[in-house]
């Protein structure tokens, strides 16, 4: 069975058109809606999800399921949800296709990284995991801007026409053109035209200066969301124990302290041999190896903690609290 996981942003064609045109087999679709942003943005995304749900069923005969991403800027949450969704589909024996063409980059990268991580972990299923992107034929933003320029020019002409040929006041005398109605199919107040023209000019000025977006949004106290890179190696059982221990207890002042904690947890004798085994595996998991652990020099020791991708690995592999 072919399952497509489709995060829904503000695009329609890129999420379904390539599958229809290239005649892909689509048995099941998981649509993910973002729930962050203005009320209008959320409503628009829901509208597209509804339309996509209908069209995936009618055009491709696919069953659909809809999920909500509570915060499209929470990379860790998106990664965990992506990991669980892809993993569950693989467990059902399905082939998984992940569309990363829409939604904010945090979601797209999180889903791509989760898919990559599972390709590494599930070697037998790597040919059943696909990520794909579709480029748009054209962008509407520039066309909307050009249309707005044309509308602005028309409003200017209407104002000039009103100024050159002011309508008479109720008393029959010529009135002020700024307050008199203009004949354009029906009476239109010149003040309204002036207000709309000024608003259009301001919007176009911002578009010309800044492009399609404005500012940098603060997320969790910072303006940069780091996007970690997945490891290219699988994690072995003893390495898993180390990662879970770091995830549970946090940072250790030294690898020896970590080894002692592991020995206690495993009810093993803390020997030089056991300590060497921990050091060896920490090195394999460190910056020069799989990248799941960070080590910071501190005197003669190294503070040891999970890296960002290590934290994501532990989060994705830990059982939910309810279980």
C-alpha atoms as a PDB file:
ATOM      1  CA  UNK A   1       0.000   0.000   0.000  1.00  0.00           C
ATOM      2  CA  UNK A   2       1.266   3.468  -0.911  1.00  0.00           C
ATOM      3  CA  UNK A   3       0.875   6.050   1.865  1.00  0.00           C
ATOM      4  CA  UNK A   4       1.536   9.730   1.223  1.00  0.00           C
ATOM      5  CA  UNK A   5       2.177  12.020   4.186  1.00  0.00           C
ATOM      6  CA  UNK A   6       1.288  15.562   3.129  1.00  0.00           C
ATOM      7  CA  UNK A   7       1.835  18.607   5.376  1.00  0.00           C
ATOM      8  CA  UNK A   8      -0.675  21.247   4.213  1.00  0.00           C
ATOM      9  CA  UNK A   9       0.309  24.907   4.062  1.00  0.00           C
ATOM     10  CA  UNK A  10      -1.084  27.392   1.565  1.00  0.00           C
ATOM     11  CA  UNK A  11      -0.581  25.328  -1.593  1.00  0.00           C
ATOM     12  CA  UNK A  12      -3.000  23.072  -3.412  1.00  0.00           C
ATOM     13  CA  UNK A  13      -1.575  22.123  -6.820  1.00  0.00           C
ATOM     14  CA  UNK A  14       1.861  21.058  -5.566  1.00  0.00           C
ATOM     15  CA  UNK A  15       0.300  18.592  -3.140  1.00  0.00           C
ATOM     16  CA  UNK A  16      -1.870  16.673  -5.582  1.00  0.00           C
ATOM     17  CA  UNK A  17      -1.262  17.713  -9.203  1.00  0.00           C
ATOM     18  CA  UNK A  18       2.048  15.819  -9.694  1.00  0.00           C
ATOM     19  CA  UNK A  19       0.490  12.613  -8.368  1.00  0.00           C
ATOM     20  CA  UNK A  20      -2.445  12.923 -10.759  1.00  0.00           C
ATOM     21  CA  UNK A  21      -0.372  13.958 -13.765  1.00  0.00           C
ATOM     22  CA  UNK A  22       2.318  11.286 -13.278  1.00  0.00           C
ATOM     23  CA  UNK A  23      -0.322   8.669 -12.404  1.00  0.00           C
ATOM     24  CA  UNK A  24       1.130   7.657  -9.051  1.00  0.00           C
ATOM     25  CA  UNK A  25      -0.595   5.001  -7.001  1.00  0.00           C
ATOM     26  CA  UNK A  26      -1.964   6.617  -3.847  1.00  0.00           C
ATOM     27  CA  UNK A  27      -3.858   4.310  -1.506  1.00  0.00           C
ATOM     28  CA  UNK A  28      -3.768   6.336   1.688  1.00  0.00           C
ATOM     29  CA  UNK A  29      -3.107  10.007   2.467  1.00  0.00           C
ATOM     30  CA  UNK A  30      -2.254  11.596   5.807  1.00  0.00           C
ATOM     31  CA  UNK A  31      -2.947  15.338   5.732  1.00  0.00           C
ATOM     32  CA  UNK A  32      -1.333  17.521   8.399  1.00  0.00           C
ATOM     33  CA  UNK A  33      -2.783  20.936   9.169  1.00  0.00           C
ATOM     34  CA  UNK A  34      -0.863  23.706  10.911  1.00  0.00           C
ATOM     35  CA  UNK A  35      -2.643  25.350  13.830  1.00  0.00           C
ATOM     36  CA  UNK A  36      -0.393  28.382  14.338  1.00  0.00           C
ATOM     37  CA  UNK A  37      -0.773  31.805  12.791  1.00  0.00           C
ATOM     38  CA  UNK A  38      -3.597  34.247  12.271  1.00  0.00           C
ATOM     39  CA  UNK A  39      -7.171  33.007  12.358  1.00  0.00           C
ATOM     40  CA  UNK A  40      -7.398  33.673   8.625  1.00  0.00           C
ATOM     41  CA  UNK A  41      -4.267  31.585   7.936  1.00  0.00           C
ATOM     42  CA  UNK A  42      -5.526  28.667  10.014  1.00  0.00           C
ATOM     43  CA  UNK A  43      -8.934  28.799   8.360  1.00  0.00           C
ATOM     44  CA  UNK A  44      -7.373  28.926   4.899  1.00  0.00           C
ATOM     45  CA  UNK A  45      -5.195  25.889   5.655  1.00  0.00           C
ATOM     46  CA  UNK A  46      -8.250  23.985   6.909  1.00  0.00           C
ATOM     47  CA  UNK A  47     -10.157  24.917   3.771  1.00  0.00           C
ATOM     48  CA  UNK A  48      -7.341  23.514   1.622  1.00  0.00           C
ATOM     49  CA  UNK A  49      -7.211  20.341   3.725  1.00  0.00           C
ATOM     50  CA  UNK A  50     -10.918  19.795   3.183  1.00  0.00           C
ATOM     51  CA  UNK A  51     -10.563  20.337  -0.560  1.00  0.00           C
ATOM     52  CA  UNK A  52      -7.522  18.034  -0.727  1.00  0.00           C
ATOM     53  CA  UNK A  53      -9.319  15.360   1.277  1.00  0.00           C
ATOM     54  CA  UNK A  54     -12.187  15.394  -1.220  1.00  0.00           C
ATOM     55  CA  UNK A  55      -9.979  15.452  -4.302  1.00  0.00           C
ATOM     56  CA  UNK A  56      -7.594  12.734  -3.118  1.00  0.00           C
ATOM     57  CA  UNK A  57     -10.648  10.535  -2.698  1.00  0.00           C
ATOM     58  CA  UNK A  58     -12.341  11.514  -5.975  1.00  0.00           C
ATOM     59  CA  UNK A  59      -9.298  11.773  -8.262  1.00  0.00           C
ATOM     60  CA  UNK A  60      -7.031   9.076  -6.826  1.00  0.00           C
ATOM     61  CA  UNK A  61      -9.404   6.855  -4.854  1.00  0.00           C
ATOM     62  CA  UNK A  62      -7.326   7.292  -1.708  1.00  0.00           C
ATOM     63  CA  UNK A  63      -8.546   7.061   1.855  1.00  0.00           C
ATOM     64  CA  UNK A  64      -7.562  10.112   3.894  1.00  0.00           C
ATOM     65  CA  UNK A  65      -6.825  10.947   7.491  1.00  0.00           C
ATOM     66  CA  UNK A  66      -6.226  14.405   8.954  1.00  0.00           C
ATOM     67  CA  UNK A  67      -3.929  15.367  11.827  1.00  0.00           C
ATOM     68  CA  UNK A  68      -3.158  18.730  13.409  1.00  0.00           C
ATOM     69  CA  UNK A  69       0.352  20.064  14.077  1.00  0.00           C
ATOM     70  CA  UNK A  70      -0.203  22.266  17.115  1.00  0.00           C
ATOM     71  CA  UNK A  71       2.887  24.413  16.494  1.00  0.00           C
ATOM     72  CA  UNK A  72       4.417  24.463  13.023  1.00  0.00           C
ATOM     73  CA  UNK A  73       7.528  26.191  14.421  1.00  0.00           C
ATOM     74  CA  UNK A  74       8.265  23.494  17.018  1.00  0.00           C
ATOM     75  CA  UNK A  75      10.886  21.471  15.140  1.00  0.00           C
ATOM     76  CA  UNK A  76      11.242  18.822  17.854  1.00  0.00           C
ATOM     77  CA  UNK A  77       7.500  18.147  17.999  1.00  0.00           C
ATOM     78  CA  UNK A  78       7.288  17.996  14.203  1.00  0.00           C
ATOM     79  CA  UNK A  79      10.223  15.565  14.067  1.00  0.00           C
ATOM     80  CA  UNK A  80       8.655  13.299  16.688  1.00  0.00           C
ATOM     81  CA  UNK A  81       5.272  13.308  14.942  1.00  0.00           C
ATOM     82  CA  UNK A  82       6.910  12.629  11.577  1.00  0.00           C
ATOM     83  CA  UNK A  83       8.996   9.799  13.020  1.00  0.00           C
ATOM     84  CA  UNK A  84       5.952   8.158  14.604  1.00  0.00           C
ATOM     85  CA  UNK A  85       3.783   8.509  11.499  1.00  0.00           C
ATOM     86  CA  UNK A  86       6.409   7.091   9.135  1.00  0.00           C
ATOM     87  CA  UNK A  87       7.394   4.334  11.543  1.00  0.00           C
ATOM     88  CA  UNK A  88       3.755   3.276  12.035  1.00  0.00           C
ATOM     89  CA  UNK A  89       3.158   3.116   8.280  1.00  0.00           C
ATOM     90  CA  UNK A  90       6.274   0.985   7.804  1.00  0.00           C
ATOM     91  CA  UNK A  91       5.138  -1.334  10.592  1.00  0.00           C
ATOM     92  CA  UNK A  92       1.900  -1.830   8.642  1.00  0.00           C
ATOM     93  CA  UNK A  93       3.943  -2.881   5.628  1.00  0.00           C
ATOM     94  CA  UNK A  94       3.196   0.283   3.654  1.00  0.00           C
ATOM     95  CA  UNK A  95       5.495   2.226   1.359  1.00  0.00           C
ATOM     96  CA  UNK A  96       5.774   5.819   2.559  1.00  0.00           C
ATOM     97  CA  UNK A  97       6.049   8.989   0.473  1.00  0.00           C
ATOM     98  CA  UNK A  98       6.666  12.280   2.315  1.00  0.00           C
ATOM     99  CA  UNK A  99       5.792  15.502   0.504  1.00  0.00           C
ATOM    100  CA  UNK A 100       7.975  18.405   1.702  1.00  0.00           C
ATOM    101  CA  UNK A 101       6.790  21.015  -0.810  1.00  0.00           C
ATOM    102  CA  UNK A 102       4.497  22.961   1.539  1.00  0.00           C
ATOM    103  CA  UNK A 103       4.298  24.068   5.182  1.00  0.00           C
ATOM    104  CA  UNK A 104       6.982  26.166   6.972  1.00  0.00           C
ATOM    105  CA  UNK A 105      10.567  25.003   6.528  1.00  0.00           C
ATOM    106  CA  UNK A 106      10.672  23.734  10.127  1.00  0.00           C
ATOM    107  CA  UNK A 107       8.038  21.125   9.293  1.00  0.00           C
ATOM    108  CA  UNK A 108       9.517  20.230   5.900  1.00  0.00           C
ATOM    109  CA  UNK A 109      13.019  19.731   7.295  1.00  0.00           C
ATOM    110  CA  UNK A 110      11.717  17.856  10.342  1.00  0.00           C
ATOM    111  CA  UNK A 111       9.812  15.396   8.151  1.00  0.00           C
ATOM    112  CA  UNK A 112      12.747  14.988   5.758  1.00  0.00           C
ATOM    113  CA  UNK A 113      15.171  14.392   8.642  1.00  0.00           C
ATOM    114  CA  UNK A 114      12.818  11.906  10.294  1.00  0.00           C
ATOM    115  CA  UNK A 115      12.487  10.002   7.012  1.00  0.00           C
ATOM    116  CA  UNK A 116      16.274   9.989   6.619  1.00  0.00           C
ATOM    117  CA  UNK A 117      16.749   8.759  10.193  1.00  0.00           C
ATOM    118  CA  UNK A 118      14.393   5.853   9.607  1.00  0.00           C
ATOM    119  CA  UNK A 119      16.178   4.972   6.360  1.00  0.00           C
ATOM    120  CA  UNK A 120      19.307   4.535   8.464  1.00  0.00           C
ATOM    121  CA  UNK A 121      17.629   2.650  11.297  1.00  0.00           C
ATOM    122  CA  UNK A 122      15.474   0.366   9.182  1.00  0.00           C
ATOM    123  CA  UNK A 123      17.898  -0.786   6.515  1.00  0.00           C
ATOM    124  CA  UNK A 124      15.477  -3.395   5.179  1.00  0.00           C
ATOM    125  CA  UNK A 125      12.844  -0.687   4.636  1.00  0.00           C
ATOM    126  CA  UNK A 126      15.015   2.059   3.170  1.00  0.00           C
ATOM    127  CA  UNK A 127      13.665   1.448  -0.332  1.00  0.00           C
ATOM    128  CA  UNK A 128      10.147   1.924   1.043  1.00  0.00           C
ATOM    129  CA  UNK A 129      10.770   5.469   2.312  1.00  0.00           C
ATOM    130  CA  UNK A 130      10.708   8.420  -0.089  1.00  0.00           C
ATOM    131  CA  UNK A 131      10.814  12.183   0.338  1.00  0.00           C
ATOM    132  CA  UNK A 132       9.833  14.372  -2.588  1.00  0.00           C
ATOM    133  CA  UNK A 133       9.434  17.996  -3.591  1.00  0.00           C
ATOM    134  CA  UNK A 134       7.439  19.662  -6.360  1.00  0.00           C
ATOM    135  CA  UNK A 135       8.357  23.050  -7.835  1.00  0.00           C
ATOM    136  CA  UNK A 136       5.507  25.439  -8.723  1.00  0.00           C
ATOM    137  CA  UNK A 137       4.939  26.428 -12.326  1.00  0.00           C
ATOM    138  CA  UNK A 138       4.613  30.039 -11.216  1.00  0.00           C
ATOM    139  CA  UNK A 139       4.413  32.109  -8.062  1.00  0.00           C
ATOM    140  CA  UNK A 140       1.290  34.168  -7.489  1.00  0.00           C
ATOM    141  CA  UNK A 141       2.906  36.782  -5.228  1.00  0.00           C
ATOM    142  CA  UNK A 142       4.509  38.723  -8.060  1.00  0.00           C
ATOM    143  CA  UNK A 143       1.364  38.496 -10.162  1.00  0.00           C
ATOM    144  CA  UNK A 144      -0.703  39.769  -7.250  1.00  0.00           C
ATOM    145  CA  UNK A 145       1.733  42.657  -6.812  1.00  0.00           C
ATOM    146  CA  UNK A 146       1.503  43.587 -10.490  1.00  0.00           C
ATOM    147  CA  UNK A 147      -2.279  43.407 -10.378  1.00  0.00           C
ATOM    148  CA  UNK A 148      -2.237  45.670  -7.332  1.00  0.00           C
ATOM    149  CA  UNK A 149      -0.109  48.162  -9.272  1.00  0.00           C
ATOM    150  CA  UNK A 150      -2.684  48.175 -12.063  1.00  0.00           C
ATOM    151  CA  UNK A 151      -5.516  48.677  -9.584  1.00  0.00           C
ATOM    152  CA  UNK A 152      -3.593  51.512  -7.935  1.00  0.00           C
ATOM    153  CA  UNK A 153      -3.131  53.219 -11.292  1.00  0.00           C
ATOM    154  CA  UNK A 154      -6.871  52.896 -11.917  1.00  0.00           C
ATOM    155  CA  UNK A 155      -7.677  54.446  -8.539  1.00  0.00           C
ATOM    156  CA  UNK A 156      -5.347  57.339  -9.340  1.00  0.00           C
ATOM    157  CA  UNK A 157      -7.183  57.914 -12.625  1.00  0.00           C
ATOM    158  CA  UNK A 158     -10.517  57.914 -10.842  1.00  0.00           C
ATOM    159  CA  UNK A 159      -9.290  60.495  -8.356  1.00  0.00           C
ATOM    160  CA  UNK A 160      -7.886  62.680 -11.135  1.00  0.00           C
ATOM    161  CA  UNK A 161     -11.158  62.422 -13.049  1.00  0.00           C
ATOM    162  CA  UNK A 162     -13.038  63.484  -9.944  1.00  0.00           C
ATOM    163  CA  UNK A 163     -10.716  66.424  -9.389  1.00  0.00           C
ATOM    164  CA  UNK A 164     -11.057  67.622 -13.000  1.00  0.00           C
ATOM    165  CA  UNK A 165     -14.828  67.188 -13.114  1.00  0.00           C
ATOM    166  CA  UNK A 166     -16.177  67.612  -9.597  1.00  0.00           C
ATOM    167  CA  UNK A 167     -19.728  66.546  -9.014  1.00  0.00           C
ATOM    168  CA  UNK A 168     -22.170  69.268  -7.926  1.00  0.00           C
ATOM    169  CA  UNK A 169     -23.187  69.503  -4.326  1.00  0.00           C
ATOM    170  CA  UNK A 170     -26.796  69.133  -3.224  1.00  0.00           C
ATOM    171  CA  UNK A 171     -27.175  72.930  -3.413  1.00  0.00           C
ATOM    172  CA  UNK A 172     -26.083  72.816  -7.024  1.00  0.00           C
ATOM    173  CA  UNK A 173     -22.672  74.406  -6.457  1.00  0.00           C
ATOM    174  CA  UNK A 174     -19.437  72.622  -7.217  1.00  0.00           C
ATOM    175  CA  UNK A 175     -18.133  70.889  -4.122  1.00  0.00           C
ATOM    176  CA  UNK A 176     -14.761  69.722  -2.864  1.00  0.00           C
ATOM    177  CA  UNK A 177     -13.598  66.781  -5.011  1.00  0.00           C
ATOM    178  CA  UNK A 178     -12.222  64.984  -1.939  1.00  0.00           C
ATOM    179  CA  UNK A 179     -15.705  64.660  -0.497  1.00  0.00           C
ATOM    180  CA  UNK A 180     -17.888  64.428  -3.595  1.00  0.00           C
ATOM    181  CA  UNK A 181     -19.005  61.117  -5.116  1.00  0.00           C
ATOM    182  CA  UNK A 182     -17.501  59.937  -8.393  1.00  0.00           C
ATOM    183  CA  UNK A 183     -19.587  58.315 -11.104  1.00  0.00           C
ATOM    184  CA  UNK A 184     -18.133  54.856 -11.912  1.00  0.00           C
ATOM    185  CA  UNK A 185     -21.105  52.623 -12.537  1.00  0.00           C
ATOM    186  CA  UNK A 186     -22.368  53.762  -9.155  1.00  0.00           C
ATOM    187  CA  UNK A 187     -21.449  56.514  -6.746  1.00  0.00           C
ATOM    188  CA  UNK A 188     -18.073  55.899  -5.076  1.00  0.00           C
ATOM    189  CA  UNK A 189     -16.834  58.162  -2.304  1.00  0.00           C
ATOM    190  CA  UNK A 190     -13.499  59.755  -3.172  1.00  0.00           C
ATOM    191  CA  UNK A 191     -12.356  59.369   0.444  1.00  0.00           C
ATOM    192  CA  UNK A 192     -12.732  55.605   0.145  1.00  0.00           C
ATOM    193  CA  UNK A 193     -10.714  55.596  -3.067  1.00  0.00           C
ATOM    194  CA  UNK A 194      -7.989  57.684  -1.429  1.00  0.00           C
ATOM    195  CA  UNK A 195      -7.830  55.317   1.559  1.00  0.00           C
ATOM    196  CA  UNK A 196      -7.618  52.206  -0.616  1.00  0.00           C
ATOM    197  CA  UNK A 197      -4.992  53.807  -2.853  1.00  0.00           C
ATOM    198  CA  UNK A 198      -2.811  54.754   0.102  1.00  0.00           C
ATOM    199  CA  UNK A 199      -3.116  51.258   1.584  1.00  0.00           C
ATOM    200  CA  UNK A 200      -2.147  49.689  -1.763  1.00  0.00           C
ATOM    201  CA  UNK A 201       0.833  52.020  -2.114  1.00  0.00           C
ATOM    202  CA  UNK A 202       2.104  51.115   1.364  1.00  0.00           C
ATOM    203  CA  UNK A 203       1.748  47.406   0.701  1.00  0.00           C
ATOM    204  CA  UNK A 204       3.544  47.672  -2.639  1.00  0.00           C
ATOM    205  CA  UNK A 205       6.350  49.708  -1.054  1.00  0.00           C
ATOM    206  CA  UNK A 206       6.868  46.965   1.554  1.00  0.00           C
ATOM    207  CA  UNK A 207       6.746  44.269  -1.122  1.00  0.00           C
ATOM    208  CA  UNK A 208       9.313  46.089  -3.289  1.00  0.00           C
ATOM    209  CA  UNK A 209      11.617  46.655  -0.329  1.00  0.00           C
ATOM    210  CA  UNK A 210      11.300  43.359   1.559  1.00  0.00           C
ATOM    211  CA  UNK A 211       9.824  40.740  -0.736  1.00  0.00           C
ATOM    212  CA  UNK A 212       7.015  38.415   0.308  1.00  0.00           C
ATOM    213  CA  UNK A 213       7.698  38.395   4.062  1.00  0.00           C
ATOM    214  CA  UNK A 214       8.419  40.947   6.783  1.00  0.00           C
ATOM    215  CA  UNK A 215      10.586  40.652   9.874  1.00  0.00           C
ATOM    216  CA  UNK A 216      11.942  37.631  11.733  1.00  0.00           C
ATOM    217  CA  UNK A 217       9.616  35.837  14.155  1.00  0.00           C
ATOM    218  CA  UNK A 218      10.887  35.084  17.645  1.00  0.00           C
ATOM    219  CA  UNK A 219      10.470  31.412  18.564  1.00  0.00           C
ATOM    220  CA  UNK A 220      11.224  30.283  22.123  1.00  0.00           C
ATOM    221  CA  UNK A 221      13.234  33.410  22.804  1.00  0.00           C
ATOM    222  CA  UNK A 222      15.374  33.176  19.661  1.00  0.00           C
ATOM    223  CA  UNK A 223      15.071  34.136  16.034  1.00  0.00           C
ATOM    224  CA  UNK A 224      16.959  31.126  14.666  1.00  0.00           C
ATOM    225  CA  UNK A 225      15.709  27.546  14.742  1.00  0.00           C
ATOM    226  CA  UNK A 226      18.609  25.144  14.312  1.00  0.00           C
ATOM    227  CA  UNK A 227      17.841  22.233  12.005  1.00  0.00           C
ATOM    228  CA  UNK A 228      19.973  19.231  13.055  1.00  0.00           C
ATOM    229  CA  UNK A 229      21.245  16.726  10.526  1.00  0.00           C
ATOM    230  CA  UNK A 230      20.428  13.036  10.844  1.00  0.00           C
ATOM    231  CA  UNK A 231      23.162  10.499  11.503  1.00  0.00           C
ATOM    232  CA  UNK A 232      24.389   8.246   8.714  1.00  0.00           C
ATOM    233  CA  UNK A 233      24.864   5.253  11.066  1.00  0.00           C
ATOM    234  CA  UNK A 234      22.541   3.034  13.020  1.00  0.00           C
ATOM    235  CA  UNK A 235      22.608   2.898  16.823  1.00  0.00           C
ATOM    236  CA  UNK A 236      23.757  -0.308  18.504  1.00  0.00           C
ATOM    237  CA  UNK A 237      22.179  -1.687  21.716  1.00  0.00           C
ATOM    238  CA  UNK A 238      24.858  -0.488  24.165  1.00  0.00           C
ATOM    239  CA  UNK A 239      24.909   2.891  22.448  1.00  0.00           C
ATOM    240  CA  UNK A 240      21.150   3.052  22.992  1.00  0.00           C
ATOM    241  CA  UNK A 241      21.683   2.584  26.738  1.00  0.00           C
ATOM    242  CA  UNK A 242      24.096   5.507  26.787  1.00  0.00           C
ATOM    243  CA  UNK A 243      21.727   7.760  24.874  1.00  0.00           C
ATOM    244  CA  UNK A 244      18.768   6.899  27.083  1.00  0.00           C
ATOM    245  CA  UNK A 245      20.863   7.544  30.213  1.00  0.00           C
ATOM    246  CA  UNK A 246      21.920  10.956  28.940  1.00  0.00           C
ATOM    247  CA  UNK A 247      18.330  11.686  28.011  1.00  0.00           C
ATOM    248  CA  UNK A 248      17.156  10.713  31.479  1.00  0.00           C
ATOM    249  CA  UNK A 249      19.852  12.374  33.610  1.00  0.00           C
ATOM    250  CA  UNK A 250      21.110  15.152  31.347  1.00  0.00           C
ATOM    251  CA  UNK A 251      24.726  16.290  31.358  1.00  0.00           C
ATOM    252  CA  UNK A 252      27.512  14.374  33.100  1.00  0.00           C
ATOM    253  CA  UNK A 253      30.661  16.103  34.294  1.00  0.00           C
ATOM    254  CA  UNK A 254      32.824  13.328  32.852  1.00  0.00           C
ATOM    255  CA  UNK A 255      32.604  10.085  30.930  1.00  0.00           C
ATOM    256  CA  UNK A 256      33.721   8.269  34.092  1.00  0.00           C
ATOM    257  CA  UNK A 257      30.713   9.676  35.954  1.00  0.00           C
ATOM    258  CA  UNK A 258      28.481   8.491  33.128  1.00  0.00           C
ATOM    259  CA  UNK A 259      30.108   5.036  33.242  1.00  0.00           C
ATOM    260  CA  UNK A 260      29.538   4.786  36.998  1.00  0.00           C
ATOM    261  CA  UNK A 261      25.859   5.706  36.587  1.00  0.00           C
ATOM    262  CA  UNK A 262      25.434   3.096  33.854  1.00  0.00           C
ATOM    263  CA  UNK A 263      27.127   0.414  35.935  1.00  0.00           C
ATOM    264  CA  UNK A 264      24.750   1.097  38.822  1.00  0.00           C
ATOM    265  CA  UNK A 265      21.731   0.993  36.550  1.00  0.00           C
ATOM    266  CA  UNK A 266      22.845  -2.276  34.919  1.00  0.00           C
ATOM    267  CA  UNK A 267      23.909  -3.822  38.238  1.00  0.00           C
ATOM    268  CA  UNK A 268      27.385  -4.352  36.829  1.00  0.00           C
ATOM    269  CA  UNK A 269      30.696  -3.953  38.583  1.00  0.00           C
ATOM    270  CA  UNK A 270      32.413  -0.690  37.727  1.00  0.00           C
ATOM    271  CA  UNK A 271      35.764  -1.844  36.365  1.00  0.00           C
ATOM    272  CA  UNK A 272      38.397  -0.364  34.090  1.00  0.00           C
ATOM    273  CA  UNK A 273      37.093  -2.658  31.367  1.00  0.00           C
ATOM    274  CA  UNK A 274      33.522  -1.356  31.742  1.00  0.00           C
ATOM    275  CA  UNK A 275      34.738   2.242  31.839  1.00  0.00           C
ATOM    276  CA  UNK A 276      36.758   1.665  28.652  1.00  0.00           C
ATOM    277  CA  UNK A 277      33.692   0.192  26.983  1.00  0.00           C
ATOM    278  CA  UNK A 278      31.678   3.318  27.812  1.00  0.00           C
ATOM    279  CA  UNK A 279      34.457   5.625  26.613  1.00  0.00           C
ATOM    280  CA  UNK A 280      34.723   3.703  23.343  1.00  0.00           C
ATOM    281  CA  UNK A 281      30.986   3.916  22.692  1.00  0.00           C
ATOM    282  CA  UNK A 282      30.783   7.580  23.698  1.00  0.00           C
ATOM    283  CA  UNK A 283      33.536   8.277  21.175  1.00  0.00           C
ATOM    284  CA  UNK A 284      31.520   6.459  18.503  1.00  0.00           C
ATOM    285  CA  UNK A 285      28.480   8.553  19.381  1.00  0.00           C
ATOM    286  CA  UNK A 286      30.427  11.808  19.568  1.00  0.00           C
ATOM    287  CA  UNK A 287      31.203  14.587  17.064  1.00  0.00           C
ATOM    288  CA  UNK A 288      33.734  12.483  15.182  1.00  0.00           C
ATOM    289  CA  UNK A 289      31.282   9.594  14.919  1.00  0.00           C
ATOM    290  CA  UNK A 290      27.493   9.539  14.771  1.00  0.00           C
ATOM    291  CA  UNK A 291      26.979  13.011  16.214  1.00  0.00           C
ATOM    292  CA  UNK A 292      24.458  12.091  18.916  1.00  0.00           C
ATOM    293  CA  UNK A 293      26.686  13.259  21.796  1.00  0.00           C
ATOM    294  CA  UNK A 294      28.505  16.531  22.496  1.00  0.00           C
ATOM    295  CA  UNK A 295      31.677  16.621  24.576  1.00  0.00           C
ATOM    296  CA  UNK A 296      33.047  19.816  26.110  1.00  0.00           C
ATOM    297  CA  UNK A 297      36.541  19.886  27.577  1.00  0.00           C
ATOM    298  CA  UNK A 298      36.475  20.754  31.277  1.00  0.00           C
ATOM    299  CA  UNK A 299      39.871  20.536  32.913  1.00  0.00           C
ATOM    300  CA  UNK A 300      41.074  16.972  32.457  1.00  0.00           C
ATOM    301  CA  UNK A 301      37.561  15.715  31.839  1.00  0.00           C
ATOM    302  CA  UNK A 302      34.889  16.139  29.209  1.00  0.00           C
ATOM    303  CA  UNK A 303      31.380  17.215  30.035  1.00  0.00           C
ATOM    304  CA  UNK A 304      29.121  14.818  28.148  1.00  0.00           C
ATOM    305  CA  UNK A 305      25.578  15.547  26.953  1.00  0.00           C
ATOM    306  CA  UNK A 306      23.235  14.808  24.085  1.00  0.00           C
ATOM    307  CA  UNK A 307      23.522  16.848  20.908  1.00  0.00           C
ATOM    308  CA  UNK A 308      20.382  18.262  19.329  1.00  0.00           C
ATOM    309  CA  UNK A 309      19.965  15.268  17.017  1.00  0.00           C
ATOM    310  CA  UNK A 310      20.683  13.023  20.010  1.00  0.00           C
ATOM    311  CA  UNK A 311      17.849  14.654  21.935  1.00  0.00           C
ATOM    312  CA  UNK A 312      15.558  14.074  18.973  1.00  0.00           C
ATOM    313  CA  UNK A 313      16.631  10.438  18.758  1.00  0.00           C
ATOM    314  CA  UNK A 314      15.808   9.855  22.441  1.00  0.00           C
ATOM    315  CA  UNK A 315      12.508  11.713  22.125  1.00  0.00           C
ATOM    316  CA  UNK A 316      11.469   9.707  19.063  1.00  0.00           C
ATOM    317  CA  UNK A 317      12.447   6.353  20.599  1.00  0.00           C
ATOM    318  CA  UNK A 318      11.048   6.865  24.098  1.00  0.00           C
ATOM    319  CA  UNK A 319       7.689   5.352  24.938  1.00  0.00           C
ATOM    320  CA  UNK A 320       4.876   7.860  25.542  1.00  0.00           C
ATOM    321  CA  UNK A 321       4.237   8.592  29.217  1.00  0.00           C
ATOM    322  CA  UNK A 322       0.766   7.078  28.970  1.00  0.00           C
ATOM    323  CA  UNK A 323       2.093   3.685  27.988  1.00  0.00           C
END
